[in-house]
C-alpha cells in the first residue's frame, strides 16, 4: 500500500524531555502539549517501529530544527531535509513576476510583451524594498496575492508593509 503522511511540528513530542527553555518557548510548548498526546517514543515508532510501513513517503515539519532530538533525524529515519529559508530580494523578484504575470488576463501578444517588460521593472523595484531574512516566502506570497490585479499598488505599498512586518516604525 502506498501512502503519503504529514506530521507537523515534530518538535512537540520532545517537549516532555527536560531541557531548559526560554519562558516564551515554555509557554508555546505548554499550549501545544494540550493538543497532542504523541510522545517521543510514539513518534520514533511511527518513523521506523514494528508497525511502520515500507514504501511510504513521510513528510515532517518543524519550526525549530535545532531543537530536534538526533534520534528523530538520524539517517534511516530522515532521508532528505529541505529548509524553507526566509525571503531575499531574488525570491521577492521571482514571486512578484510569477504572481503578477499569471494574474493578468492579457490576450494580445504585443500587450503581453509590454506588460511583461513593465512587470520586470516593477519586480526589481518591489524587490529593492525587501531585506534578506526578515519575512517568509509565504508572507510575500500573501502580500502579492492581495494585490495581484494592481502591480503599481504592490510596489507603492511594499515599503510600509515590510517595515510593519519587520517591526520598524513607519513614517
N, C-alpha and C. Protein backbone atom coordinates (compact mmCIF):
# COMPACT_ATOMS: atom_id res chain seq x y z
N UNK A 1 0.83 -1.17 0.00
CA UNK A 1 0.00 0.00 0.00
C UNK A 1 0.89 1.24 0.00
N UNK A 2 0.62 2.16 -0.91
CA UNK A 2 1.38 3.41 -0.96
C UNK A 2 0.69 4.46 -0.11
N UNK A 3 1.52 5.31 0.48
CA UNK A 3 0.97 6.25 1.44
C UNK A 3 1.85 7.49 1.52
N UNK A 4 1.23 8.65 1.66
CA UNK A 4 1.94 9.88 1.97
C UNK A 4 1.36 10.38 3.28
N UNK A 5 2.23 10.61 4.25
CA UNK A 5 1.78 11.07 5.57
C UNK A 5 2.50 12.37 5.92
N UNK A 6 1.81 13.24 6.62
CA UNK A 6 2.38 14.52 7.04
C UNK A 6 2.29 14.62 8.55
N UNK A 7 3.43 14.87 9.18
CA UNK A 7 3.49 15.13 10.62
C UNK A 7 4.01 16.55 10.79
N UNK A 8 3.18 17.41 11.35
CA UNK A 8 3.59 18.80 11.52
C UNK A 8 4.12 19.03 12.93
N UNK A 9 5.03 20.00 13.03
CA UNK A 9 5.57 20.42 14.32
C UNK A 9 6.11 19.25 15.13
N UNK A 10 7.04 18.52 14.55
CA UNK A 10 7.55 17.31 15.20
C UNK A 10 8.42 17.59 16.41
N UNK A 11 8.74 18.85 16.68
CA UNK A 11 9.49 19.15 17.90
C UNK A 11 8.62 18.99 19.13
N UNK A 12 7.32 18.98 18.98
CA UNK A 12 6.39 18.91 20.10
C UNK A 12 6.56 17.68 20.98
N UNK A 13 6.67 16.45 20.44
CA UNK A 13 6.79 15.29 21.33
C UNK A 13 8.00 15.34 22.26
N UNK A 14 9.06 15.99 21.84
CA UNK A 14 10.22 16.03 22.72
C UNK A 14 10.07 17.07 23.81
N UNK A 15 9.00 17.84 23.77
CA UNK A 15 8.83 18.86 24.79
C UNK A 15 8.71 18.25 26.18
N UNK A 16 8.43 16.94 26.23
CA UNK A 16 8.36 16.28 27.53
C UNK A 16 9.75 16.01 28.10
N UNK A 17 10.77 16.08 27.27
CA UNK A 17 12.13 15.88 27.76
C UNK A 17 12.57 17.12 28.52
N UNK A 18 13.40 16.93 29.50
CA UNK A 18 13.81 18.04 30.34
C UNK A 18 15.00 18.76 29.72
N UNK A 19 14.71 19.91 29.13
CA UNK A 19 15.75 20.77 28.61
C UNK A 19 15.37 22.20 28.96
N UNK A 20 16.33 23.02 29.34
CA UNK A 20 15.99 24.40 29.66
C UNK A 20 15.45 25.12 28.42
N UNK A 21 14.37 25.86 28.61
CA UNK A 21 13.74 26.60 27.52
C UNK A 21 13.53 28.04 27.97
N UNK A 22 13.59 29.00 27.03
CA UNK A 22 13.25 30.37 27.39
C UNK A 22 11.75 30.44 27.76
N UNK A 23 11.36 31.41 28.59
CA UNK A 23 9.97 31.48 29.08
C UNK A 23 8.93 31.48 27.96
N UNK A 24 9.16 32.25 26.88
CA UNK A 24 8.17 32.30 25.81
C UNK A 24 8.04 30.95 25.10
N UNK A 25 9.14 30.21 24.99
CA UNK A 25 9.10 28.89 24.36
C UNK A 25 8.39 27.89 25.28
N UNK A 26 8.62 28.00 26.59
CA UNK A 26 7.94 27.12 27.54
C UNK A 26 6.42 27.28 27.43
N UNK A 27 5.97 28.53 27.31
CA UNK A 27 4.53 28.78 27.18
C UNK A 27 4.00 28.18 25.88
N UNK A 28 4.73 28.35 24.78
CA UNK A 28 4.32 27.77 23.50
C UNK A 28 4.24 26.25 23.59
N UNK A 29 5.23 25.63 24.21
CA UNK A 29 5.24 24.18 24.35
C UNK A 29 4.08 23.70 25.23
N UNK A 30 3.78 24.44 26.29
CA UNK A 30 2.68 24.07 27.18
C UNK A 30 1.35 24.11 26.42
N UNK A 31 1.16 25.14 25.59
CA UNK A 31 -0.08 25.24 24.81
C UNK A 31 -0.17 24.09 23.82
N UNK A 32 0.95 23.75 23.17
CA UNK A 32 0.96 22.67 22.19
C UNK A 32 0.72 21.33 22.88
N UNK A 33 1.28 21.15 24.07
CA UNK A 33 1.15 19.90 24.80
C UNK A 33 -0.32 19.58 25.08
N UNK A 34 -1.13 20.62 25.21
CA UNK A 34 -2.55 20.40 25.50
C UNK A 34 -3.28 19.80 24.30
N UNK A 35 -2.74 19.94 23.10
CA UNK A 35 -3.42 19.47 21.90
C UNK A 35 -2.93 18.11 21.43
N UNK A 36 -1.77 17.66 21.88
CA UNK A 36 -1.21 16.41 21.37
C UNK A 36 -0.85 15.46 22.50
N UNK A 37 -1.04 14.19 22.22
CA UNK A 37 -0.64 13.16 23.18
C UNK A 37 0.51 12.32 22.64
N UNK A 38 1.06 12.68 21.50
CA UNK A 38 2.13 11.92 20.88
C UNK A 38 3.42 12.09 21.68
N UNK A 39 4.03 11.00 22.06
CA UNK A 39 5.28 11.04 22.83
C UNK A 39 6.46 10.86 21.88
N UNK A 40 7.65 11.06 22.41
CA UNK A 40 8.86 10.87 21.63
C UNK A 40 8.94 9.42 21.14
N UNK A 41 8.71 8.47 22.02
CA UNK A 41 8.79 7.07 21.60
C UNK A 41 7.69 6.74 20.60
N UNK A 42 6.53 7.39 20.74
CA UNK A 42 5.45 7.20 19.77
C UNK A 42 5.85 7.68 18.39
N UNK A 43 6.52 8.82 18.35
CA UNK A 43 7.00 9.35 17.07
C UNK A 43 8.04 8.42 16.46
N UNK A 44 8.98 7.94 17.27
CA UNK A 44 10.01 7.03 16.75
C UNK A 44 9.39 5.74 16.22
N UNK A 45 8.35 5.24 16.86
CA UNK A 45 7.66 4.05 16.37
C UNK A 45 6.95 4.31 15.05
N UNK A 46 6.39 5.50 14.90
CA UNK A 46 5.75 5.86 13.63
C UNK A 46 6.80 5.87 12.52
N UNK A 47 7.98 6.42 12.84
CA UNK A 47 9.01 6.57 11.82
C UNK A 47 9.56 5.23 11.35
N UNK A 48 9.94 4.36 12.28
CA UNK A 48 10.53 3.09 11.84
C UNK A 48 10.32 1.95 12.83
N UNK A 49 9.24 2.00 13.57
CA UNK A 49 8.94 0.94 14.52
C UNK A 49 8.37 -0.29 13.83
N UNK A 50 7.94 -1.25 14.63
CA UNK A 50 7.43 -2.52 14.09
C UNK A 50 6.24 -2.32 13.16
N UNK A 51 5.42 -1.31 13.43
CA UNK A 51 4.23 -1.09 12.61
C UNK A 51 4.46 -0.16 11.43
N UNK A 52 5.68 0.32 11.26
CA UNK A 52 5.96 1.26 10.17
C UNK A 52 5.84 0.56 8.82
N UNK A 53 5.27 1.22 7.87
CA UNK A 53 5.05 0.66 6.54
C UNK A 53 6.21 1.01 5.61
N UNK A 54 6.55 0.07 4.75
CA UNK A 54 7.56 0.33 3.72
C UNK A 54 6.87 0.98 2.53
N UNK A 55 7.61 1.75 1.78
CA UNK A 55 7.08 2.34 0.56
C UNK A 55 6.22 3.57 0.78
N UNK A 56 6.30 4.15 1.95
CA UNK A 56 5.52 5.35 2.20
C UNK A 56 6.43 6.57 2.16
N UNK A 57 5.84 7.71 1.91
CA UNK A 57 6.55 8.98 1.97
C UNK A 57 6.04 9.68 3.21
N UNK A 58 6.97 10.01 4.09
CA UNK A 58 6.62 10.68 5.33
C UNK A 58 7.22 12.08 5.29
N UNK A 59 6.39 13.07 5.44
CA UNK A 59 6.83 14.46 5.44
C UNK A 59 6.64 15.00 6.85
N UNK A 60 7.71 15.58 7.40
CA UNK A 60 7.65 16.15 8.74
C UNK A 60 8.03 17.61 8.66
N UNK A 61 7.40 18.42 9.51
CA UNK A 61 7.75 19.83 9.54
C UNK A 61 8.12 20.24 10.97
N UNK A 62 8.93 21.27 11.04
CA UNK A 62 9.30 21.84 12.33
C UNK A 62 9.64 23.31 12.13
N UNK A 63 9.39 24.09 13.14
CA UNK A 63 9.81 25.48 13.13
C UNK A 63 11.08 25.66 13.95
N UNK A 64 11.54 24.58 14.57
CA UNK A 64 12.69 24.66 15.46
C UNK A 64 13.63 23.49 15.19
N UNK A 65 14.29 23.49 14.05
CA UNK A 65 15.17 22.39 13.65
C UNK A 65 16.23 22.09 14.70
N UNK A 66 16.77 23.12 15.31
CA UNK A 66 17.85 22.92 16.29
C UNK A 66 17.37 22.21 17.55
N UNK A 67 16.08 22.17 17.79
CA UNK A 67 15.56 21.52 18.99
C UNK A 67 15.24 20.04 18.79
N UNK A 68 15.36 19.55 17.57
CA UNK A 68 15.00 18.15 17.31
C UNK A 68 16.03 17.20 17.90
N UNK A 69 15.53 16.14 18.47
CA UNK A 69 16.37 15.09 19.02
C UNK A 69 17.10 14.39 17.86
N UNK A 70 18.41 14.20 17.96
CA UNK A 70 19.14 13.49 16.90
C UNK A 70 18.58 12.10 16.61
N UNK A 71 17.92 11.48 17.58
CA UNK A 71 17.32 10.16 17.34
C UNK A 71 16.21 10.25 16.30
N UNK A 72 15.56 11.39 16.21
CA UNK A 72 14.48 11.56 15.23
C UNK A 72 15.04 11.80 13.83
N UNK A 73 16.13 12.52 13.74
CA UNK A 73 16.64 12.94 12.43
C UNK A 73 17.81 12.10 11.92
N UNK A 74 18.10 11.01 12.58
CA UNK A 74 19.25 10.21 12.14
C UNK A 74 19.00 9.60 10.76
N UNK A 75 20.08 9.30 10.01
CA UNK A 75 19.92 8.65 8.71
C UNK A 75 19.15 7.34 8.87
N UNK A 76 18.28 7.08 7.94
CA UNK A 76 17.40 5.92 8.03
C UNK A 76 16.01 6.32 8.47
N UNK A 77 15.94 7.34 9.29
CA UNK A 77 14.63 7.89 9.66
C UNK A 77 14.31 9.09 8.78
N UNK A 78 15.31 9.89 8.53
CA UNK A 78 15.13 11.07 7.67
C UNK A 78 16.14 10.95 6.53
N UNK A 79 15.62 10.82 5.33
CA UNK A 79 16.49 10.65 4.16
C UNK A 79 16.82 11.97 3.48
N UNK A 80 15.98 12.97 3.65
CA UNK A 80 16.20 14.25 2.98
C UNK A 80 15.63 15.38 3.84
N UNK A 81 16.36 16.48 3.89
CA UNK A 81 15.87 17.67 4.57
C UNK A 81 15.81 18.81 3.57
N UNK A 82 14.74 19.57 3.64
CA UNK A 82 14.57 20.75 2.79
C UNK A 82 14.26 21.92 3.70
N UNK A 83 15.13 22.91 3.70
CA UNK A 83 14.91 24.09 4.52
C UNK A 83 14.20 25.16 3.69
N UNK A 84 13.19 25.76 4.28
CA UNK A 84 12.50 26.86 3.63
C UNK A 84 13.01 28.14 4.28
N UNK A 85 13.95 28.75 3.62
CA UNK A 85 14.60 29.94 4.17
C UNK A 85 13.67 31.15 4.06
N UNK A 86 13.97 32.14 4.85
CA UNK A 86 13.24 33.40 4.73
C UNK A 86 13.60 34.05 3.39
N UNK A 87 12.74 34.92 2.95
CA UNK A 87 12.87 35.51 1.61
C UNK A 87 14.07 36.45 1.51
N UNK A 88 14.57 36.56 0.29
CA UNK A 88 15.59 37.54 -0.05
C UNK A 88 15.09 38.32 -1.27
N UNK A 89 15.91 39.23 -1.79
CA UNK A 89 15.46 40.07 -2.90
C UNK A 89 15.19 39.25 -4.16
N UNK A 90 15.98 38.23 -4.42
CA UNK A 90 15.76 37.40 -5.61
C UNK A 90 14.43 36.65 -5.49
N UNK A 91 14.14 36.12 -4.33
CA UNK A 91 12.86 35.44 -4.10
C UNK A 91 11.71 36.41 -4.31
N UNK A 92 11.85 37.62 -3.76
CA UNK A 92 10.80 38.63 -3.90
C UNK A 92 10.57 38.97 -5.36
N UNK A 93 11.65 39.13 -6.11
CA UNK A 93 11.53 39.45 -7.53
C UNK A 93 10.83 38.33 -8.28
N UNK A 94 11.23 37.10 -8.04
CA UNK A 94 10.63 35.96 -8.74
C UNK A 94 9.16 35.78 -8.38
N UNK A 95 8.83 35.92 -7.11
CA UNK A 95 7.43 35.81 -6.70
C UNK A 95 6.59 36.90 -7.35
N UNK A 96 7.11 38.11 -7.37
CA UNK A 96 6.38 39.22 -7.99
C UNK A 96 6.09 38.91 -9.45
N UNK A 97 7.11 38.52 -10.17
CA UNK A 97 6.93 38.23 -11.60
C UNK A 97 5.96 37.07 -11.80
N UNK A 98 6.09 36.05 -11.03
CA UNK A 98 5.23 34.88 -11.18
C UNK A 98 3.77 35.21 -10.88
N UNK A 99 3.53 35.87 -9.77
CA UNK A 99 2.15 36.14 -9.37
C UNK A 99 1.50 37.26 -10.17
N UNK A 100 2.25 38.28 -10.51
CA UNK A 100 1.66 39.39 -11.27
C UNK A 100 1.42 38.97 -12.72
N UNK A 101 2.38 38.28 -13.33
CA UNK A 101 2.18 37.86 -14.72
C UNK A 101 1.08 36.83 -14.84
N UNK A 102 1.01 35.87 -13.93
CA UNK A 102 -0.04 34.86 -14.03
C UNK A 102 -1.39 35.42 -13.62
N UNK A 103 -1.38 36.55 -12.94
CA UNK A 103 -2.65 37.16 -12.52
C UNK A 103 -3.28 38.02 -13.59
N UNK A 104 -2.57 38.29 -14.67
CA UNK A 104 -3.12 39.16 -15.71
C UNK A 104 -3.90 38.34 -16.72
N UNK A 105 -4.81 39.01 -17.39
CA UNK A 105 -5.64 38.32 -18.39
C UNK A 105 -5.41 38.95 -19.76
N UNK A 106 -4.17 38.97 -20.20
CA UNK A 106 -3.79 39.61 -21.46
C UNK A 106 -3.84 38.59 -22.57
N UNK A 107 -4.49 38.96 -23.68
CA UNK A 107 -4.58 38.02 -24.80
C UNK A 107 -3.73 38.44 -25.98
N UNK A 108 -3.57 39.74 -26.22
CA UNK A 108 -2.74 40.19 -27.34
C UNK A 108 -1.27 40.06 -26.99
N UNK A 109 -0.48 39.53 -27.93
CA UNK A 109 0.94 39.30 -27.64
C UNK A 109 1.70 40.60 -27.41
N UNK A 110 1.41 41.66 -28.20
CA UNK A 110 2.13 42.93 -28.02
C UNK A 110 1.82 43.54 -26.66
N UNK A 111 0.56 43.45 -26.23
CA UNK A 111 0.20 43.96 -24.91
C UNK A 111 0.88 43.14 -23.83
N UNK A 112 0.96 41.83 -24.05
CA UNK A 112 1.61 40.95 -23.09
C UNK A 112 3.09 41.30 -22.96
N UNK A 113 3.76 41.54 -24.08
CA UNK A 113 5.18 41.89 -24.06
C UNK A 113 5.41 43.18 -23.29
N UNK A 114 4.58 44.20 -23.55
CA UNK A 114 4.71 45.47 -22.82
C UNK A 114 4.48 45.26 -21.33
N UNK A 115 3.47 44.49 -21.00
CA UNK A 115 3.18 44.22 -19.59
C UNK A 115 4.31 43.43 -18.95
N UNK A 116 4.86 42.48 -19.67
CA UNK A 116 5.96 41.67 -19.14
C UNK A 116 7.17 42.54 -18.86
N UNK A 117 7.48 43.46 -19.78
CA UNK A 117 8.61 44.37 -19.57
C UNK A 117 8.36 45.25 -18.35
N UNK A 118 7.16 45.80 -18.26
CA UNK A 118 6.83 46.65 -17.12
C UNK A 118 6.85 45.84 -15.82
N UNK A 119 6.38 44.61 -15.91
CA UNK A 119 6.38 43.74 -14.73
C UNK A 119 7.79 43.49 -14.23
N UNK A 120 8.74 43.32 -15.16
CA UNK A 120 10.14 43.13 -14.75
C UNK A 120 10.65 44.37 -14.01
N UNK A 121 10.29 45.55 -14.52
CA UNK A 121 10.69 46.79 -13.85
C UNK A 121 10.05 46.87 -12.46
N UNK A 122 8.75 46.58 -12.40
CA UNK A 122 8.05 46.58 -11.12
C UNK A 122 8.68 45.58 -10.16
N UNK A 123 9.00 44.41 -10.67
CA UNK A 123 9.57 43.35 -9.84
C UNK A 123 10.89 43.80 -9.21
N UNK A 124 11.73 44.45 -10.00
CA UNK A 124 13.01 44.93 -9.48
C UNK A 124 12.79 46.00 -8.42
N UNK A 125 11.87 46.91 -8.68
CA UNK A 125 11.58 47.97 -7.72
C UNK A 125 10.98 47.38 -6.43
N UNK A 126 10.09 46.43 -6.59
CA UNK A 126 9.47 45.74 -5.45
C UNK A 126 10.54 45.07 -4.59
N UNK A 127 11.42 44.32 -5.24
CA UNK A 127 12.44 43.53 -4.53
C UNK A 127 13.41 44.41 -3.75
N UNK A 128 13.65 45.62 -4.22
CA UNK A 128 14.59 46.51 -3.52
C UNK A 128 14.12 46.85 -2.11
N UNK A 129 12.83 46.68 -1.85
CA UNK A 129 12.28 47.01 -0.53
C UNK A 129 12.30 45.84 0.45
N UNK A 130 12.82 44.70 0.02
CA UNK A 130 12.82 43.50 0.86
C UNK A 130 14.24 43.20 1.33
N UNK A 131 14.44 43.22 2.63
CA UNK A 131 15.74 42.84 3.19
C UNK A 131 15.76 41.34 3.43
N UNK A 132 16.91 40.74 3.27
CA UNK A 132 17.04 39.28 3.40
C UNK A 132 16.78 38.81 4.82
N UNK A 133 16.06 37.70 4.93
CA UNK A 133 15.91 37.01 6.21
C UNK A 133 14.94 37.63 7.19
N UNK A 134 13.98 38.41 6.70
CA UNK A 134 13.04 39.05 7.62
C UNK A 134 11.62 38.49 7.49
N UNK A 135 11.15 38.30 6.27
CA UNK A 135 9.80 37.77 6.05
C UNK A 135 9.89 36.44 5.32
N UNK A 136 8.86 35.63 5.50
CA UNK A 136 8.83 34.33 4.83
C UNK A 136 8.34 34.49 3.40
N UNK A 137 8.60 33.47 2.61
CA UNK A 137 8.11 33.46 1.24
C UNK A 137 6.59 33.43 1.23
N UNK A 138 5.99 32.75 2.19
CA UNK A 138 4.53 32.70 2.29
C UNK A 138 3.95 34.08 2.59
N UNK A 139 4.63 34.85 3.44
CA UNK A 139 4.16 36.21 3.73
C UNK A 139 4.21 37.07 2.47
N UNK A 140 5.30 36.96 1.72
CA UNK A 140 5.41 37.70 0.46
C UNK A 140 4.31 37.28 -0.51
N UNK A 141 4.09 36.00 -0.60
CA UNK A 141 3.06 35.49 -1.50
C UNK A 141 1.69 36.05 -1.10
N UNK A 142 1.38 36.04 0.18
CA UNK A 142 0.10 36.58 0.65
C UNK A 142 -0.04 38.05 0.30
N UNK A 143 1.03 38.81 0.51
CA UNK A 143 1.01 40.23 0.17
C UNK A 143 0.71 40.42 -1.32
N UNK A 144 1.40 39.68 -2.16
CA UNK A 144 1.23 39.83 -3.60
C UNK A 144 -0.12 39.34 -4.09
N UNK A 145 -0.62 38.27 -3.54
CA UNK A 145 -1.93 37.75 -3.96
C UNK A 145 -3.02 38.79 -3.71
N UNK A 146 -2.93 39.49 -2.59
CA UNK A 146 -3.93 40.52 -2.28
C UNK A 146 -3.84 41.71 -3.24
N UNK A 147 -2.73 41.87 -3.92
CA UNK A 147 -2.54 42.99 -4.84
C UNK A 147 -2.31 42.49 -6.27
N UNK A 148 -2.73 41.31 -6.53
CA UNK A 148 -2.45 40.62 -7.79
C UNK A 148 -2.88 41.42 -9.02
N UNK A 149 -3.98 42.10 -8.95
CA UNK A 149 -4.51 42.84 -10.10
C UNK A 149 -3.98 44.28 -10.18
N UNK A 150 -3.14 44.66 -9.21
CA UNK A 150 -2.64 46.04 -9.19
C UNK A 150 -1.15 46.07 -8.87
N UNK A 151 -0.32 45.81 -9.88
CA UNK A 151 1.13 45.79 -9.65
C UNK A 151 1.68 47.10 -9.09
N UNK A 152 1.10 48.21 -9.51
CA UNK A 152 1.57 49.51 -9.02
C UNK A 152 1.34 49.63 -7.52
N UNK A 153 0.18 49.20 -7.05
CA UNK A 153 -0.10 49.23 -5.61
C UNK A 153 0.85 48.30 -4.86
N UNK A 154 1.15 47.15 -5.44
CA UNK A 154 2.08 46.22 -4.80
C UNK A 154 3.43 46.88 -4.58
N UNK A 155 3.88 47.64 -5.56
CA UNK A 155 5.17 48.34 -5.45
C UNK A 155 5.06 49.52 -4.49
N UNK A 156 3.99 50.30 -4.62
CA UNK A 156 3.84 51.50 -3.80
C UNK A 156 3.69 51.20 -2.31
N UNK A 157 3.06 50.09 -1.98
CA UNK A 157 2.73 49.80 -0.58
C UNK A 157 3.73 48.87 0.11
N UNK A 158 4.68 48.32 -0.64
CA UNK A 158 5.55 47.30 -0.06
C UNK A 158 6.47 47.84 1.03
N UNK A 159 6.94 49.06 0.88
CA UNK A 159 7.87 49.61 1.87
C UNK A 159 7.21 49.70 3.25
N UNK A 160 6.00 50.25 3.30
CA UNK A 160 5.28 50.36 4.58
C UNK A 160 4.95 48.97 5.13
N UNK A 161 4.51 48.06 4.25
CA UNK A 161 4.18 46.69 4.68
C UNK A 161 5.41 46.00 5.26
N UNK A 162 6.54 46.13 4.57
CA UNK A 162 7.76 45.47 5.03
C UNK A 162 8.22 46.04 6.37
N UNK A 163 8.15 47.35 6.51
CA UNK A 163 8.54 47.96 7.79
C UNK A 163 7.65 47.46 8.92
N UNK A 164 6.37 47.33 8.65
CA UNK A 164 5.45 46.82 9.67
C UNK A 164 5.78 45.37 10.02
N UNK A 165 6.05 44.55 9.01
CA UNK A 165 6.37 43.14 9.24
C UNK A 165 7.68 42.97 10.00
N UNK A 166 8.62 43.84 9.72
CA UNK A 166 9.94 43.70 10.34
C UNK A 166 10.03 44.42 11.68
N UNK A 167 8.92 45.06 12.09
CA UNK A 167 8.90 45.71 13.39
C UNK A 167 9.52 47.09 13.39
N UNK A 168 9.74 47.65 12.21
CA UNK A 168 10.28 49.00 12.12
C UNK A 168 9.14 50.00 12.15
N UNK A 169 9.41 51.19 12.60
CA UNK A 169 8.39 52.23 12.62
C UNK A 169 8.16 52.76 11.22
N UNK A 170 6.89 52.99 10.89
CA UNK A 170 6.54 53.54 9.58
C UNK A 170 6.40 55.04 9.72
N UNK A 171 7.02 55.78 8.79
CA UNK A 171 6.94 57.26 8.82
C UNK A 171 5.53 57.73 8.57
